[in-house]
């Protein structure tokens, strides 16, 4: 990823994680951090259903998409960063603990949720595409 894309990603407060099983895609908003070429997100203690599609989807198909964007009523300000990568539930506890510390630093809300031993999803970035309204006109992009 280009430095400008990393900066865009670091500035974002929310992203969208897209996973897919064989027959059904799922997209969920997530809090996240980036460390090197890996994006981390926690499965925190906010209320959820009994079975999380994202974890079962990752187990069967680790290829994911991750999106951050800026929306504005002035469409000249629109932009997004689309990332594709391979995901996994982090099994190394030292790596998971590092990710939790980074998440706690970025999101004060996690202090009251007590991340504790929350499972961590890692997204290993394979490729990225940045789009911005004005740039699209110059580049002929959609």
Protein backbone atom coordinates (compact mmCIF):
# COMPACT_ATOMS: atom_id res chain seq x y z
CA UNK A 1 0.00 0.00 0.00
CA UNK A 2 1.07 3.55 -0.67
CA UNK A 3 1.84 5.81 2.28
CA UNK A 4 -1.19 7.94 1.45
CA UNK A 5 -3.42 4.85 1.64
CA UNK A 6 -1.95 3.86 5.01
CA UNK A 7 -2.59 7.39 6.31
CA UNK A 8 -6.19 7.27 4.99
CA UNK A 9 -6.71 3.92 6.70
CA UNK A 10 -5.20 5.08 10.00
CA UNK A 11 -7.43 8.17 10.02
CA UNK A 12 -10.61 6.13 9.57
CA UNK A 13 -12.63 5.33 12.70
CA UNK A 14 -14.72 2.55 11.17
CA UNK A 15 -14.36 0.03 8.39
CA UNK A 16 -16.56 -2.57 6.75
CA UNK A 17 -15.46 -6.20 6.72
CA UNK A 18 -16.93 -8.34 3.93
CA UNK A 19 -16.75 -12.11 4.24
CA UNK A 20 -18.45 -14.84 2.28
CA UNK A 21 -19.49 -18.42 2.68
CA UNK A 22 -20.20 -20.50 -0.40
CA UNK A 23 -23.63 -19.02 -0.88
CA UNK A 24 -23.99 -15.89 1.22
CA UNK A 25 -21.84 -12.76 1.62
CA UNK A 26 -21.89 -10.72 4.82
CA UNK A 27 -20.70 -7.17 5.55
CA UNK A 28 -20.30 -5.80 9.07
CA UNK A 29 -19.01 -2.45 10.38
CA UNK A 30 -15.95 -2.89 12.60
CA UNK A 31 -13.44 -0.94 14.65
CA UNK A 32 -9.89 -1.69 13.54
CA UNK A 33 -6.21 -0.83 13.62
CA UNK A 34 -3.43 -1.33 11.11
CA UNK A 35 0.04 -2.57 12.05
CA UNK A 36 2.43 -3.02 9.15
CA UNK A 37 0.51 -4.82 6.40
CA UNK A 38 -2.08 -6.34 8.75
CA UNK A 39 -5.46 -4.97 9.80
CA UNK A 40 -6.75 -6.16 13.19
CA UNK A 41 -10.30 -6.14 14.48
CA UNK A 42 -11.69 -7.64 17.69
CA UNK A 43 -14.77 -9.71 18.27
CA UNK A 44 -15.68 -7.63 21.29
CA UNK A 45 -18.37 -8.04 23.90
CA UNK A 46 -21.02 -5.83 22.29
CA UNK A 47 -24.28 -7.80 21.96
CA UNK A 48 -24.26 -10.22 19.03
CA UNK A 49 -26.20 -13.24 17.89
CA UNK A 50 -25.27 -16.76 18.99
CA UNK A 51 -23.35 -17.55 15.78
CA UNK A 52 -21.18 -15.01 14.00
CA UNK A 53 -21.21 -15.27 10.22
CA UNK A 54 -17.84 -13.54 9.91
CA UNK A 55 -16.00 -16.21 11.93
CA UNK A 56 -17.61 -19.18 10.20
CA UNK A 57 -17.11 -17.50 6.81
CA UNK A 58 -13.41 -16.88 7.54
CA UNK A 59 -13.00 -20.52 8.57
CA UNK A 60 -14.40 -21.71 5.23
CA UNK A 61 -13.16 -18.86 3.00
CA UNK A 62 -10.35 -16.66 4.34
CA UNK A 63 -10.48 -14.22 1.39
CA UNK A 64 -12.08 -10.97 2.52
CA UNK A 65 -12.65 -7.38 1.45
CA UNK A 66 -12.26 -4.42 3.78
CA UNK A 67 -13.56 -0.94 3.00
CA UNK A 68 -13.15 2.49 4.57
CA UNK A 69 -14.79 5.53 3.06
CA UNK A 70 -15.63 9.17 3.40
CA UNK A 71 -19.17 10.18 2.50
CA UNK A 72 -20.25 13.76 2.13
CA UNK A 73 -23.34 15.40 0.67
CA UNK A 74 -20.87 17.31 -1.49
CA UNK A 75 -19.98 14.39 -3.73
CA UNK A 76 -16.74 16.06 -4.76
CA UNK A 77 -15.50 14.96 -1.31
CA UNK A 78 -16.31 11.24 -1.78
CA UNK A 79 -13.50 8.71 -1.44
CA UNK A 80 -12.87 5.12 -0.42
CA UNK A 81 -10.10 2.61 0.08
CA UNK A 82 -10.90 -0.99 -0.85
CA UNK A 83 -8.59 -3.70 0.46
CA UNK A 84 -8.50 -7.39 -0.39
CA UNK A 85 -6.69 -9.87 1.78
CA UNK A 86 -6.50 -13.17 3.58
CA UNK A 87 -8.01 -13.29 7.04
CA UNK A 88 -7.59 -15.54 10.05
CA UNK A 89 -8.47 -15.73 13.69
CA UNK A 90 -5.22 -14.92 15.46
CA UNK A 91 -3.96 -17.96 17.37
CA UNK A 92 -0.70 -16.47 18.65
CA UNK A 93 -1.55 -14.88 22.00
CA UNK A 94 1.34 -12.38 21.87
CA UNK A 95 0.10 -11.08 18.50
CA UNK A 96 -3.50 -10.95 19.78
CA UNK A 97 -2.40 -9.05 22.90
CA UNK A 98 -0.51 -6.52 20.73
CA UNK A 99 -3.62 -6.03 18.59
CA UNK A 100 -5.81 -5.53 21.66
CA UNK A 101 -3.39 -2.90 23.04
CA UNK A 102 -3.49 -1.03 19.71
CA UNK A 103 -7.30 -1.18 19.66
CA UNK A 104 -7.46 0.12 23.25
CA UNK A 105 -5.20 3.03 22.27
CA UNK A 106 -7.35 3.99 19.28
CA UNK A 107 -10.81 3.45 20.80
CA UNK A 108 -11.40 4.66 24.35
CA UNK A 109 -14.78 2.87 24.29
CA UNK A 110 -12.95 -0.45 24.53
CA UNK A 111 -11.72 0.50 28.02
CA UNK A 112 -15.21 -0.04 29.43
CA UNK A 113 -15.90 -3.10 27.27
CA UNK A 114 -12.80 -4.82 28.67
CA UNK A 115 -11.38 -6.54 25.60
CA UNK A 116 -9.71 -9.09 27.88
CA UNK A 117 -9.20 -12.19 25.78
CA UNK A 118 -11.48 -11.12 22.92
CA UNK A 119 -10.75 -13.06 19.72
CA UNK A 120 -8.86 -11.06 17.10
CA UNK A 121 -9.26 -11.23 13.34
CA UNK A 122 -6.17 -10.43 11.27
CA UNK A 123 -6.47 -9.34 7.64
CA UNK A 124 -3.22 -9.74 5.73
CA UNK A 125 -3.39 -7.09 3.01
CA UNK A 126 -2.88 -8.44 -0.52
CA UNK A 127 -3.90 -5.42 -2.59
CA UNK A 128 -5.67 -2.10 -2.33
CA UNK A 129 -7.50 0.40 -4.49
CA UNK A 130 -8.03 4.04 -3.56
CA UNK A 131 -10.77 6.07 -5.24
CA UNK A 132 -11.52 9.78 -4.91
CA UNK A 133 -14.16 11.69 -6.85
CA UNK A 134 -11.85 14.24 -8.45
CA UNK A 135 -9.20 11.64 -9.23
CA UNK A 136 -11.79 9.45 -10.97
CA UNK A 137 -12.54 12.22 -13.46
CA UNK A 138 -8.83 12.57 -14.27
CA UNK A 139 -8.13 8.81 -14.37
CA UNK A 140 -11.26 7.76 -16.23
CA UNK A 141 -12.18 5.44 -13.36
CA UNK A 142 -15.73 4.68 -12.28
